[in-house]
Amino acid sequence: MLATLVIGLREGLEAALIVGMIAAFLRRNSVSLKPMWFGIGAAVVLSAVVGIILEIVSAALPQQQQEAMETIIGVVAVVIVTFMILWMSKNARSMKSTLEAHAGSAIKGGSVVAMATMAFLAVLREGVETAVFMVAAFQSSLSPIAAGTGAVVGLAIAAGVGFLLFRGAIKLNLAKFFKATGVFLVFVAAGLVMKSLRTAHEAGWVNVGQDPTVSLAWLAPNGSARAAILTGVLGIPSDPRVVEVLGWALYLVPMLAFILWPRTWRPSAAALPRVQIIAAGTLGAAAIVLIVAAPLAIPANPLSPTSTTPAITSSGQAGVTLQLTSGDAASAALAAGAADHGAAASTAEKTLIVTAADGTQSSYPLTAHGTESHAGRTVSAYTAVATTAGAGEPASLSVDALTELNGGRMPVGISSSSNPGPFTAAWTHKGKISVWLVNDAIIDAANTQSATLTLSGGGLNTPRTIAMSGQDGWLVPEEDVTAAVTELNSFESASTENVLWSRYLPCAFIIAALVLLVSARRNRRQLLVTAPSP
């Protein structure tokens, strides 16, 4: 409520002063005020329509588009209040003479339309500014009813003060009034900067600088009067992010310095261009420092496509090491002695090289299966089929050896009395290898390998196939996966956040430096034009 009240009071009083100046001039020249009131009424209606349309359009949009619309309205409101403060500080003294000159031209022309147009344009600017700023304040307010009440009260007070000033019933130090309200509106506009950056993130436009800074919940608990002032009036959320605090400070500090800087400390017209050039050089140097130094703070990438990943056996013993290759690299690995698991290995887009403890390498072509959620990350999922003939297992099994292999009991369908053995054993190992990648680097992998035993002879009429529990599989330890994901998240977060410091902030400094240089050049030209001839 307080924010909209001050907005309504300040903007309303500016409009009232404009109307009062025009009315006083027309009355001194015995000219009817009806055309002026017609133009003013039309401007007020159009300004109200602008505000209503903005609110209706914003409310009718889907959620993400609403956030985008609120961002645009907030940015426009900040630009308007900034321009309003700068314009008033520069043109307040000449505003009366400018309005009287326009009114005098309309009177000389004898055109009622000219006088109505002059009043319409003079008030329309203030009205549209008020409408846009009010809409932005309403969207940031915790209570639309309170915000609306504050706006109405502010406009009513402004109208009353304007009427009393016109009648000469009161005197008001306008310089102090506009200075005090200007300081307050700078804080409100800085809050709108934070709000606009928040809605821009929710609209998907700003994704950098989203790390939390400090929690203000202790200072302004939800529902308290302090929360109403902090969030509802000043627009500061209880959980500001880095980019929001940065935007708030970069707007607030220069604007407050502009308003509150003592006139006696301000540089003279002759020294102003030099001061602006020095400030531009300082900003440019700061931009260069950020561009060079900010990337140095990014930690090293913990994962790379060429790195090796250790895996352990199902029993927890040291197992194999894994490495990802593609195309030519896989062919080179096979040529160096890797076991051949299909001709496709050498041409596969991605190939997994598994190195055993004795140095033996096996190559497995990977098949992509899209993306999925794994270990708290969105990963690319791949699989491979590992089928090998048995090596090192006994070719003949006695009844006792078969019982031991089967966990202490005979397999179903085989009897020691009718099938006394020994049995001829043929072994086949088959496994499914699953690999999960992030940016072509392994974060997790597992081989769910099992053995299939085919028995013949030993009293069996037909061969029997038995699935044995897998003891040759391997997997990446869970703690290693968790550590890799944590390090990767930290690296990606630091890389993303670094864009704010190494690109966006330097760009803002460079733009500000260019504006200062253009302003310095213009001021220097004005000095040359106004300089007395020798």
Protein backbone atom coordinates (compact mmCIF):
# COMPACT_ATOMS: atom_id res chain seq x y z
CA MET A 1 0.00 0.00 0.00
CA LEU A 2 2.76 2.44 0.90
CA ALA A 3 4.53 1.95 -2.44
CA THR A 4 1.40 2.61 -4.54
CA LEU A 5 0.45 5.53 -2.29
CA VAL A 6 3.80 7.25 -2.87
CA ILE A 7 3.66 6.46 -6.60
CA GLY A 8 0.15 7.91 -6.84
CA LEU A 9 1.12 10.94 -4.74
CA ARG A 10 4.24 11.79 -6.69
CA GLU A 11 2.91 11.12 -10.17
CA GLY A 12 -0.43 12.70 -9.32
CA LEU A 13 1.24 15.80 -7.95
CA GLU A 14 3.39 16.13 -11.07
CA ALA A 15 0.25 15.96 -13.20
CA ALA A 16 -1.54 18.39 -10.86
CA LEU A 17 1.34 20.86 -11.12
CA ILE A 18 1.25 20.65 -14.91
CA VAL A 19 -2.52 21.19 -14.93
CA GLY A 20 -2.21 24.06 -12.45
CA MET A 21 0.47 25.81 -14.50
CA ILE A 22 -1.57 25.52 -17.69
CA ALA A 23 -4.78 26.66 -15.95
CA ALA A 24 -3.10 29.65 -14.31
CA PHE A 25 -1.61 30.78 -17.62
CA LEU A 26 -4.91 30.41 -19.49
CA ARG A 27 -6.80 32.27 -16.76
CA ARG A 28 -4.31 35.17 -16.87
CA ASN A 29 -4.98 35.40 -20.59
CA SER A 30 -8.79 35.15 -20.13
CA VAL A 31 -9.02 31.89 -22.07
CA SER A 32 -11.67 29.23 -21.36
CA LEU A 33 -10.44 26.19 -19.49
CA LYS A 34 -12.91 23.79 -21.13
CA PRO A 35 -10.53 22.60 -23.90
CA MET A 36 -7.85 21.94 -21.25
CA TRP A 37 -10.24 19.88 -19.12
CA PHE A 38 -11.32 17.93 -22.21
CA GLY A 39 -7.73 17.04 -23.04
CA ILE A 40 -6.96 16.13 -19.43
CA GLY A 41 -10.03 13.90 -19.19
CA ALA A 42 -9.10 12.09 -22.38
CA ALA A 43 -5.53 11.54 -21.10
CA VAL A 44 -6.78 10.16 -17.78
CA VAL A 45 -9.18 7.74 -19.49
CA LEU A 46 -6.53 6.54 -21.93
CA SER A 47 -3.98 6.04 -19.13
CA ALA A 48 -6.50 3.99 -17.16
CA VAL A 49 -7.26 1.90 -20.26
CA VAL A 50 -3.53 1.23 -20.75
CA GLY A 51 -3.21 -0.05 -17.18
CA ILE A 52 -6.35 -2.20 -17.43
CA ILE A 53 -5.27 -3.73 -20.74
CA LEU A 54 -1.83 -4.57 -19.37
CA GLU A 55 -3.35 -6.28 -16.32
CA ILE A 56 -5.97 -8.21 -18.35
CA VAL A 57 -3.45 -9.39 -20.95
CA SER A 58 -1.01 -10.47 -18.25
CA ALA A 59 -3.68 -12.39 -16.31
CA ALA A 60 -4.97 -14.18 -19.46
CA LEU A 61 -1.58 -15.62 -20.41
CA PRO A 62 -0.32 -19.10 -19.39
CA GLN A 63 1.94 -19.23 -16.35
CA GLN A 64 5.29 -18.97 -18.13
CA GLN A 65 4.03 -16.24 -20.46
CA GLN A 66 2.64 -14.40 -17.41
CA GLU A 67 6.11 -14.40 -15.90
CA ALA A 68 7.52 -13.06 -19.19
CA MET A 69 4.85 -10.33 -19.33
CA GLU A 70 5.52 -9.33 -15.72
CA THR A 71 9.23 -9.12 -16.55
CA ILE A 72 8.58 -6.78 -19.47
CA ILE A 73 6.21 -4.60 -17.43
CA GLY A 74 8.72 -4.46 -14.57
CA VAL A 75 11.58 -3.46 -16.86
CA VAL A 76 9.45 -0.76 -18.52
CA ALA A 77 8.41 0.52 -15.09
CA VAL A 78 12.05 0.75 -13.96
CA VAL A 79 12.99 2.61 -17.14
CA ILE A 80 10.04 4.99 -16.65
CA VAL A 81 10.81 5.82 -13.02
CA THR A 82 14.49 6.29 -13.88
CA PHE A 83 13.66 8.63 -16.74
CA MET A 84 11.14 10.45 -14.54
CA ILE A 85 13.71 11.11 -11.81
CA LEU A 86 16.41 12.18 -14.28
CA TRP A 87 14.01 14.36 -16.29
CA MET A 88 12.57 16.09 -13.23
CA SER A 89 16.02 16.90 -11.86
CA LYS A 90 17.04 18.46 -15.17
CA ASN A 91 13.80 20.15 -16.33
CA ALA A 92 11.95 21.07 -13.13
CA ARG A 93 13.09 24.70 -13.28
CA SER A 94 12.14 25.16 -16.94
CA MET A 95 8.91 23.15 -16.84
CA LYS A 96 6.71 26.19 -16.15
CA SER A 97 8.18 28.31 -18.93
CA THR A 98 8.01 25.41 -21.40
CA LEU A 99 4.33 24.79 -20.67
CA GLU A 100 3.51 28.49 -20.90
CA ALA A 101 5.30 28.70 -24.25
CA HIS A 102 3.21 25.82 -25.63
CA ALA A 103 0.02 27.36 -24.22
CA GLY A 104 0.92 30.75 -25.70
CA SER A 105 1.38 29.16 -29.13
CA ALA A 106 -2.03 27.49 -28.85
CA ILE A 107 -3.68 30.79 -27.87
CA LYS A 108 -2.05 32.67 -30.74
CA GLY A 109 -3.26 30.05 -33.15
CA GLY A 110 -6.76 30.38 -31.77
CA SER A 111 -7.18 26.62 -31.94
CA VAL A 112 -9.28 24.87 -29.33
CA VAL A 113 -7.91 21.54 -30.58
CA ALA A 114 -4.34 22.77 -30.05
CA MET A 115 -5.02 23.67 -26.41
CA ALA A 116 -6.81 20.36 -25.79
CA THR A 117 -3.94 18.44 -27.45
CA MET A 118 -1.35 20.31 -25.38
CA ALA A 119 -3.13 19.44 -22.12
CA PHE A 120 -3.73 15.88 -23.35
CA LEU A 121 -0.05 15.23 -24.15
CA ALA A 122 1.19 16.94 -20.98
CA VAL A 123 -0.97 14.76 -18.76
CA LEU A 124 -0.82 11.58 -20.87
CA ARG A 125 2.90 11.12 -20.23
CA GLU A 126 2.36 11.26 -16.48
CA GLY A 127 -0.72 9.06 -16.73
CA VAL A 128 0.91 6.27 -18.75
CA GLU A 129 3.95 6.35 -16.49
CA THR A 130 1.64 5.99 -13.50
CA ALA A 131 -0.35 3.18 -15.14
CA VAL A 132 2.71 1.06 -16.01
CA PHE A 133 4.38 1.67 -12.67
CA MET A 134 1.13 0.88 -10.83
CA VAL A 135 0.68 -2.40 -12.71
CA ALA A 136 4.24 -3.43 -11.83
CA ALA A 137 3.67 -2.45 -8.19
CA PHE A 138 0.36 -4.37 -8.11
CA GLN A 139 2.07 -7.50 -9.41
CA SER A 140 4.76 -7.22 -6.74
CA SER A 141 2.31 -6.42 -3.95
CA LEU A 142 1.25 -8.99 -1.38
CA SER A 143 -2.32 -7.57 -1.29
CA PRO A 144 -3.91 -6.13 -4.47
CA ILE A 145 -6.71 -4.54 -2.41
CA ALA A 146 -4.24 -2.68 -0.18
CA ALA A 147 -2.20 -1.67 -3.24
CA GLY A 148 -5.31 -0.31 -4.95
CA THR A 149 -6.34 1.58 -1.83
CA GLY A 150 -2.89 3.13 -1.59
CA ALA A 151 -3.03 4.25 -5.23
CA VAL A 152 -6.44 5.88 -4.83
CA VAL A 153 -5.42 7.62 -1.60
CA GLY A 154 -2.17 8.87 -3.16
CA LEU A 155 -3.95 10.27 -6.23
CA ALA A 156 -6.62 11.89 -4.05
CA ILE A 157 -4.00 13.57 -1.86
CA ALA A 158 -2.14 14.74 -4.95
CA ALA A 159 -5.31 16.22 -6.44
CA GLY A 160 -6.09 18.05 -3.17
CA VAL A 161 -2.53 19.38 -2.80
CA GLY A 162 -2.51 20.47 -6.43
CA PHE A 163 -5.78 22.35 -6.00
CA LEU A 164 -4.54 24.10 -2.86
CA LEU A 165 -1.30 25.05 -4.60
CA PHE A 166 -3.27 26.46 -7.53
CA ARG A 167 -5.43 28.51 -5.14
CA GLY A 168 -2.35 29.68 -3.27
CA ALA A 169 -3.69 28.26 0.00
CA ILE A 170 -0.49 26.39 0.79
CA LYS A 171 3.17 26.49 -0.16
CA LEU A 172 5.24 23.36 -0.73
CA ASN A 173 8.98 23.01 -1.12
CA LEU A 174 8.76 21.05 -4.35
CA ALA A 175 12.53 20.48 -4.54
CA LYS A 176 12.59 18.69 -1.17
CA PHE A 177 9.34 16.86 -1.95
CA PHE A 178 10.58 15.44 -5.23
CA LYS A 179 13.96 14.60 -3.70
CA ALA A 180 12.42 12.66 -0.81
CA THR A 181 9.91 10.82 -2.99
CA GLY A 182 12.64 10.22 -5.55
CA VAL A 183 14.77 8.40 -2.95
CA PHE A 184 11.81 6.25 -1.96
CA LEU A 185 10.94 5.43 -5.56
CA VAL A 186 14.55 4.43 -6.24
CA PHE A 187 14.22 1.77 -3.53
CA VAL A 188 10.88 0.67 -5.02
CA ALA A 189 12.40 0.53 -8.52
CA ALA A 190 15.40 -1.45 -7.20
CA GLY A 191 12.91 -3.93 -5.76
CA LEU A 192 11.26 -4.10 -9.18
CA VAL A 193 14.66 -4.96 -10.64
CA MET A 194 14.87 -7.93 -8.26
CA LYS A 195 11.29 -8.93 -9.04
CA SER A 196 11.90 -8.68 -12.80
CA LEU A 197 15.02 -10.84 -12.54
CA ARG A 198 13.04 -13.43 -10.54
CA THR A 199 10.18 -13.53 -13.08
CA ALA A 200 12.72 -13.59 -15.93
CA HIS A 201 14.21 -16.74 -14.42
CA GLU A 202 10.76 -18.30 -14.04
CA ALA A 203 10.05 -17.40 -17.68
CA GLY A 204 13.25 -19.22 -18.69
CA TRP A 205 15.12 -16.07 -19.77
CA VAL A 206 17.70 -15.71 -16.99
CA ASN A 207 19.33 -18.92 -15.74
CA VAL A 208 22.59 -17.56 -14.35
CA GLY A 209 23.25 -16.20 -10.90
CA GLN A 210 20.63 -18.40 -9.24
CA ASP A 211 22.72 -19.42 -6.24
CA PRO A 212 21.11 -18.35 -2.94
CA THR A 213 22.75 -15.55 -0.97
CA VAL A 214 21.24 -14.96 2.48
CA SER A 215 17.93 -15.92 4.02
CA LEU A 216 15.92 -12.95 5.30
CA ALA A 217 13.22 -15.10 6.89
CA TRP A 218 14.57 -14.21 10.33
CA LEU A 219 14.29 -10.49 9.58
CA ALA A 220 10.84 -10.55 8.03
CA PRO A 221 8.81 -13.66 8.94
CA ASN A 222 5.86 -14.44 6.68
CA GLY A 223 2.75 -12.49 7.62
CA SER A 224 4.60 -9.92 9.74
CA ALA A 225 4.58 -6.14 9.24
CA ARG A 226 8.30 -6.28 8.47
CA ALA A 227 7.64 -8.79 5.69
CA ALA A 228 5.00 -6.45 4.26
CA ILE A 229 7.53 -3.61 4.16
CA LEU A 230 10.48 -5.68 2.93
CA THR A 231 8.66 -7.69 0.28
CA GLY A 232 5.45 -5.77 -0.40
CA VAL A 233 6.92 -2.25 -0.43
CA LEU A 234 10.62 -2.60 -1.22
CA GLY A 235 10.22 -5.73 -3.36
CA ILE A 236 13.06 -7.65 -1.66
CA PRO A 237 12.32 -11.40 -1.44
CA SER A 238 13.20 -13.41 1.64
CA ASP A 239 15.55 -15.61 -0.44
CA PRO A 240 17.40 -13.28 -2.85
CA ARG A 241 19.63 -14.90 -5.48
CA VAL A 242 23.04 -13.68 -6.61
CA VAL A 243 21.84 -12.04 -9.84
CA GLU A 244 18.99 -10.31 -7.99
CA VAL A 245 21.27 -8.82 -5.35
CA LEU A 246 23.70 -7.74 -8.06
CA GLY A 247 20.96 -6.09 -10.12
CA TRP A 248 19.55 -4.39 -7.02
CA ALA A 249 22.94 -2.94 -6.04
CA LEU A 250 23.90 -1.87 -9.57
CA TYR A 251 20.66 0.10 -9.87
CA LEU A 252 20.32 1.43 -6.33
CA VAL A 253 23.81 2.79 -5.69
CA PRO A 254 24.21 4.99 -8.83
CA MET A 255 20.64 6.32 -8.59
CA LEU A 256 20.95 7.22 -4.90
CA ALA A 257 24.29 8.87 -5.61
CA PHE A 258 22.67 10.91 -8.39
CA ILE A 259 19.84 12.11 -6.14
CA LEU A 260 21.68 12.63 -2.85
CA TRP A 261 25.09 13.84 -4.08
CA PRO A 262 25.54 17.40 -2.76
CA ARG A 263 25.52 20.05 -5.48
CA THR A 264 28.67 21.60 -4.04
CA TRP A 265 30.53 18.33 -4.67
CA ARG A 266 29.39 17.96 -8.25
CA PRO A 267 31.97 18.69 -10.96
CA SER A 268 31.67 21.88 -12.92
CA ALA A 269 30.45 21.86 -16.52
CA ALA A 270 34.07 22.18 -17.72
CA ALA A 271 35.28 19.26 -15.57
CA LEU A 272 32.28 16.98 -16.18
CA PRO A 273 33.53 15.42 -19.48
CA ARG A 274 36.86 14.55 -17.87
CA VAL A 275 35.12 12.92 -14.89
CA GLN A 276 32.89 10.94 -17.25
CA ILE A 277 35.89 9.72 -19.27
CA ILE A 278 37.68 8.61 -16.08
CA ALA A 279 34.56 6.77 -14.92
CA ALA A 280 34.22 5.11 -18.33
CA GLY A 281 37.86 4.00 -18.21
CA THR A 282 37.38 2.57 -14.71
CA LEU A 283 34.34 0.58 -15.85
CA GLY A 284 36.19 -0.67 -18.92
CA ALA A 285 39.17 -1.78 -16.81
CA ALA A 286 36.83 -3.56 -14.39
CA ALA A 287 35.20 -5.36 -17.33
CA ILE A 288 38.58 -6.56 -18.62
CA VAL A 289 39.61 -7.78 -15.16
CA LEU A 290 36.37 -9.77 -14.81
CA ILE A 291 36.70 -11.28 -18.29
CA VAL A 292 40.24 -12.47 -17.52
CA ALA A 293 40.01 -13.36 -13.84
CA ALA A 294 36.49 -14.80 -13.45
CA PRO A 295 37.12 -18.01 -15.46
CA LEU A 296 40.09 -18.80 -13.22
CA ALA A 297 37.67 -19.51 -10.38
CA ILE A 298 36.05 -22.44 -12.23
CA PRO A 299 37.24 -25.79 -10.81
CA ALA A 300 38.64 -28.46 -13.10
CA ASN A 301 36.15 -30.74 -14.83
CA PRO A 302 36.06 -33.89 -12.65
CA LEU A 303 34.96 -36.08 -15.55
CA SER A 304 36.27 -36.39 -19.06
CA PRO A 305 35.47 -38.83 -21.87
CA THR A 306 39.05 -40.13 -21.80
CA SER A 307 39.25 -40.77 -18.05
CA THR A 308 39.16 -44.27 -16.56
CA THR A 309 36.57 -45.44 -14.04
CA PRO A 310 37.35 -48.24 -11.53
CA ALA A 311 34.78 -50.98 -10.90
CA ILE A 312 34.60 -53.76 -8.33
CA THR A 313 33.34 -57.35 -8.55
CA SER A 314 30.05 -58.47 -7.07
CA SER A 315 31.93 -59.69 -4.01
CA GLY A 316 33.48 -56.25 -3.47
CA GLN A 317 36.98 -57.13 -4.65
CA ALA A 318 39.05 -55.00 -6.99
CA GLY A 319 37.76 -55.71 -10.45
CA VAL A 320 38.22 -53.90 -13.75
CA THR A 321 38.74 -50.39 -15.09
CA LEU A 322 36.43 -48.84 -17.66
CA GLN A 323 37.13 -46.40 -20.44
CA LEU A 324 34.92 -44.97 -23.15
CA THR A 325 36.15 -44.77 -26.73
CA SER A 326 34.55 -44.17 -30.08
CA GLY A 327 35.18 -45.21 -33.68
CA ASP A 328 38.91 -45.02 -34.43
CA ALA A 329 39.91 -45.26 -30.77
CA ALA A 330 38.05 -48.56 -30.42
CA SER A 331 39.73 -49.91 -33.52
CA ALA A 332 43.13 -49.00 -32.14
CA ALA A 333 42.33 -50.69 -28.86
CA LEU A 334 41.33 -53.89 -30.63
CA ALA A 335 44.44 -53.80 -32.79
CA ALA A 336 46.51 -53.55 -29.60
CA GLY A 337 45.07 -56.83 -28.33
CA ALA A 338 41.55 -56.26 -27.07
CA ALA A 339 39.25 -59.27 -27.26
CA ASP A 340 36.94 -59.14 -30.28
CA HIS A 341 33.26 -59.09 -29.40
CA GLY A 342 31.77 -58.51 -32.80
CA ALA A 343 32.73 -56.70 -35.94
CA ALA A 344 30.50 -53.78 -34.91
CA ALA A 345 32.93 -52.89 -32.12
CA SER A 346 35.35 -51.14 -34.42
CA THR A 347 32.64 -49.02 -36.04
CA ALA A 348 30.39 -48.35 -33.04
CA GLU A 349 29.75 -44.74 -32.20
CA LYS A 350 30.64 -45.45 -28.58
CA THR A 351 32.56 -48.45 -27.30
CA LEU A 352 33.32 -49.54 -23.75
CA ILE A 353 36.84 -50.85 -23.13
CA VAL A 354 37.04 -53.07 -20.03
CA THR A 355 40.53 -53.77 -18.71
CA ALA A 356 40.88 -56.69 -16.31
CA ALA A 357 43.36 -56.84 -13.45
CA ASP A 358 45.79 -58.85 -15.56
CA GLY A 359 45.71 -56.24 -18.32
CA THR A 360 43.43 -58.15 -20.67
CA GLN A 361 41.10 -55.84 -22.53
CA SER A 362 37.58 -56.50 -23.82
CA SER A 363 35.64 -54.22 -26.12
CA TYR A 364 31.86 -53.85 -26.08
CA PRO A 365 29.89 -51.76 -28.60
CA LEU A 366 27.25 -49.65 -26.85
CA THR A 367 23.64 -49.17 -27.93
CA ALA A 368 21.99 -45.88 -27.02
CA HIS A 369 18.62 -45.84 -25.23
CA GLY A 370 17.96 -42.11 -24.89
CA THR A 371 18.02 -40.23 -21.62
CA GLU A 372 16.77 -41.12 -18.18
CA SER A 373 17.11 -40.07 -14.55
CA HIS A 374 19.92 -41.87 -12.73
CA ALA A 375 21.81 -41.01 -9.53
CA GLY A 376 19.97 -37.68 -9.36
CA ARG A 377 21.07 -36.67 -12.85
CA THR A 378 19.64 -36.69 -16.35
CA VAL A 379 21.97 -39.10 -18.11
CA SER A 380 22.38 -40.82 -21.47
CA ALA A 381 21.74 -44.54 -21.08
CA TYR A 382 23.64 -47.19 -23.05
CA THR A 383 23.74 -50.98 -22.94
CA ALA A 384 25.88 -53.75 -24.35
CA VAL A 385 25.53 -57.52 -24.44
CA ALA A 386 28.49 -59.51 -23.17
CA THR A 387 28.45 -63.18 -24.18
CA THR A 388 31.64 -65.28 -23.89
CA ALA A 389 32.56 -68.93 -23.86
CA GLY A 390 33.77 -70.28 -20.56
CA ALA A 391 37.44 -70.15 -19.78
CA GLY A 392 39.09 -71.83 -16.81
CA GLU A 393 35.96 -73.64 -15.54
CA PRO A 394 36.13 -77.45 -15.17
CA ALA A 395 35.07 -79.42 -18.24
CA SER A 396 33.87 -82.29 -16.04
CA LEU A 397 31.87 -82.15 -12.81
CA SER A 398 31.25 -84.79 -10.20
CA VAL A 399 27.97 -84.98 -8.27
CA ASP A 400 29.64 -83.37 -5.22
CA ALA A 401 31.17 -80.54 -7.32
CA LEU A 402 27.79 -79.89 -8.98
CA THR A 403 26.06 -79.80 -5.61
CA GLU A 404 28.62 -77.31 -4.28
CA LEU A 405 28.26 -75.06 -7.33
CA ASN A 406 24.46 -75.08 -6.90
CA GLY A 407 24.57 -73.83 -3.33
CA GLY A 408 24.66 -77.18 -1.53
CA ARG A 409 21.87 -79.00 -3.29
CA MET A 410 21.38 -80.90 -6.50
CA PRO A 411 19.73 -79.02 -9.35
CA VAL A 412 16.05 -79.77 -9.87
CA GLY A 413 15.56 -82.74 -12.20
CA ILE A 414 18.93 -84.36 -11.48
CA SER A 415 19.23 -87.23 -9.00
CA SER A 416 22.50 -88.60 -7.64
CA SER A 417 21.09 -92.15 -7.74
CA SER A 418 19.87 -92.13 -11.33
CA ASN A 419 22.47 -89.61 -12.58
CA PRO A 420 25.69 -90.58 -10.77
CA GLY A 421 27.98 -88.51 -12.99
CA PRO A 422 30.54 -87.42 -13.78
CA PHE A 423 28.98 -84.85 -16.14
CA THR A 424 30.49 -83.12 -19.13
CA ALA A 425 30.25 -79.35 -18.47
CA ALA A 426 29.95 -76.60 -21.10
CA TRP A 427 30.04 -73.04 -19.74
CA THR A 428 28.65 -69.85 -21.27
CA HIS A 429 28.86 -66.43 -19.63
CA LYS A 430 26.20 -63.90 -20.57
CA GLY A 431 25.77 -60.45 -19.16
CA LYS A 432 24.07 -57.14 -19.76
CA ILE A 433 26.33 -54.13 -19.40
CA SER A 434 24.60 -50.86 -18.53
CA VAL A 435 26.49 -47.58 -18.83
CA TRP A 436 25.29 -44.11 -17.83
CA LEU A 437 27.04 -41.10 -19.35
CA VAL A 438 27.02 -37.35 -18.80
CA ASN A 439 28.68 -35.34 -21.56
CA ASP A 440 30.24 -38.55 -22.90
CA ALA A 441 31.85 -39.33 -19.54
CA ILE A 442 31.05 -42.38 -17.41
CA ILE A 443 29.37 -41.69 -14.09
CA ASP A 444 28.08 -45.23 -13.48
CA ALA A 445 28.25 -48.69 -15.06
CA ALA A 446 27.31 -52.25 -14.11
CA ASN A 447 27.73 -55.71 -15.61
CA THR A 448 25.01 -58.09 -14.46
CA GLN A 449 26.86 -61.15 -15.76
CA SER A 450 25.75 -64.70 -15.06
CA ALA A 451 26.97 -68.17 -16.08
CA THR A 452 24.95 -70.82 -17.92
CA LEU A 453 26.07 -74.44 -17.38
CA THR A 454 25.07 -77.16 -19.86
CA LEU A 455 25.45 -80.71 -18.52
CA SER A 456 25.55 -83.93 -20.54
CA GLY A 457 26.48 -87.54 -19.87
CA GLY A 458 26.69 -88.90 -16.34
CA GLY A 459 23.38 -90.75 -16.72
CA LEU A 460 21.47 -87.88 -18.28
CA ASN A 461 19.30 -88.88 -21.23
CA THR A 462 19.34 -85.34 -22.66
CA PRO A 463 21.56 -82.32 -21.96
CA ARG A 464 20.38 -80.10 -19.09
CA THR A 465 20.98 -76.33 -18.90
CA ILE A 466 21.32 -74.69 -15.49
CA ALA A 467 21.60 -70.95 -14.75
CA MET A 468 24.35 -70.33 -12.21
CA SER A 469 24.53 -67.29 -9.93
CA GLY A 470 26.69 -64.54 -11.43
CA GLN A 471 30.07 -64.11 -9.86
CA ASP A 472 31.84 -62.50 -12.78
CA GLY A 473 29.86 -59.26 -12.88
CA TRP A 474 31.16 -55.88 -11.79
CA LEU A 475 29.84 -52.42 -10.89
CA VAL A 476 31.06 -48.95 -10.07
CA PRO A 477 30.98 -48.45 -6.26
CA GLU A 478 28.01 -46.38 -5.09
CA GLU A 479 30.24 -43.98 -3.17
CA ASP A 480 32.24 -43.32 -6.34
CA VAL A 481 29.04 -42.57 -8.27
CA THR A 482 27.83 -40.19 -5.55
CA ALA A 483 31.19 -38.41 -5.42
CA ALA A 484 31.33 -38.09 -9.22
CA VAL A 485 27.81 -36.64 -9.40
CA THR A 486 28.53 -34.20 -6.56
CA GLU A 487 31.75 -32.98 -8.20
CA LEU A 488 30.05 -32.74 -11.59
CA ASN A 489 27.16 -30.73 -10.14
CA SER A 490 29.62 -28.36 -8.47
CA PHE A 491 31.58 -27.94 -11.69
CA GLU A 492 28.48 -27.27 -13.80
CA SER A 493 27.08 -24.85 -11.23
CA ALA A 494 30.38 -22.95 -11.08
CA SER A 495 30.61 -22.87 -14.89
CA THR A 496 27.04 -21.59 -15.23
CA GLU A 497 27.42 -18.98 -12.52
CA ASN A 498 30.71 -17.85 -14.00
CA VAL A 499 28.88 -16.66 -17.11
CA LEU A 500 27.34 -13.91 -14.98
CA TRP A 501 30.74 -12.63 -13.86
CA SER A 502 32.76 -13.23 -17.02
CA ARG A 503 30.20 -12.17 -19.65
CA TYR A 504 27.03 -10.46 -18.46
CA LEU A 505 28.52 -8.16 -15.83
CA PRO A 506 31.43 -7.07 -18.09
CA CYS A 507 28.89 -6.38 -20.85
CA ALA A 508 26.90 -4.17 -18.46
CA PHE A 509 30.10 -2.30 -17.50
CA ILE A 510 31.08 -1.84 -21.15
CA ILE A 511 27.64 -0.51 -22.07
CA ALA A 512 27.75 1.92 -19.15
CA ALA A 513 31.26 3.01 -20.20
CA LEU A 514 30.08 3.66 -23.77
CA VAL A 515 27.12 5.70 -22.49
CA LEU A 516 29.50 7.79 -20.37
CA LEU A 517 31.84 8.32 -23.32
CA VAL A 518 28.97 9.46 -25.57
CA SER A 519 27.72 11.78 -22.83
CA ALA A 520 31.24 13.17 -22.31
CA ARG A 521 31.60 13.86 -26.02
CA ARG A 522 28.26 15.62 -26.14
CA ASN A 523 29.05 17.73 -23.07
CA ARG A 524 32.42 18.67 -24.54
CA ARG A 525 30.76 19.80 -27.76
CA GLN A 526 28.30 21.90 -25.80
CA LEU A 527 31.20 23.55 -24.01
CA LEU A 528 32.83 24.39 -27.33
CA VAL A 529 29.58 25.84 -28.68
CA THR A 530 28.87 27.98 -25.62
CA ALA A 531 32.50 29.06 -25.13
CA PRO A 532 32.96 32.84 -25.73
CA SER A 533 34.83 33.84 -28.85
CA PRO A 534 38.34 35.26 -28.28
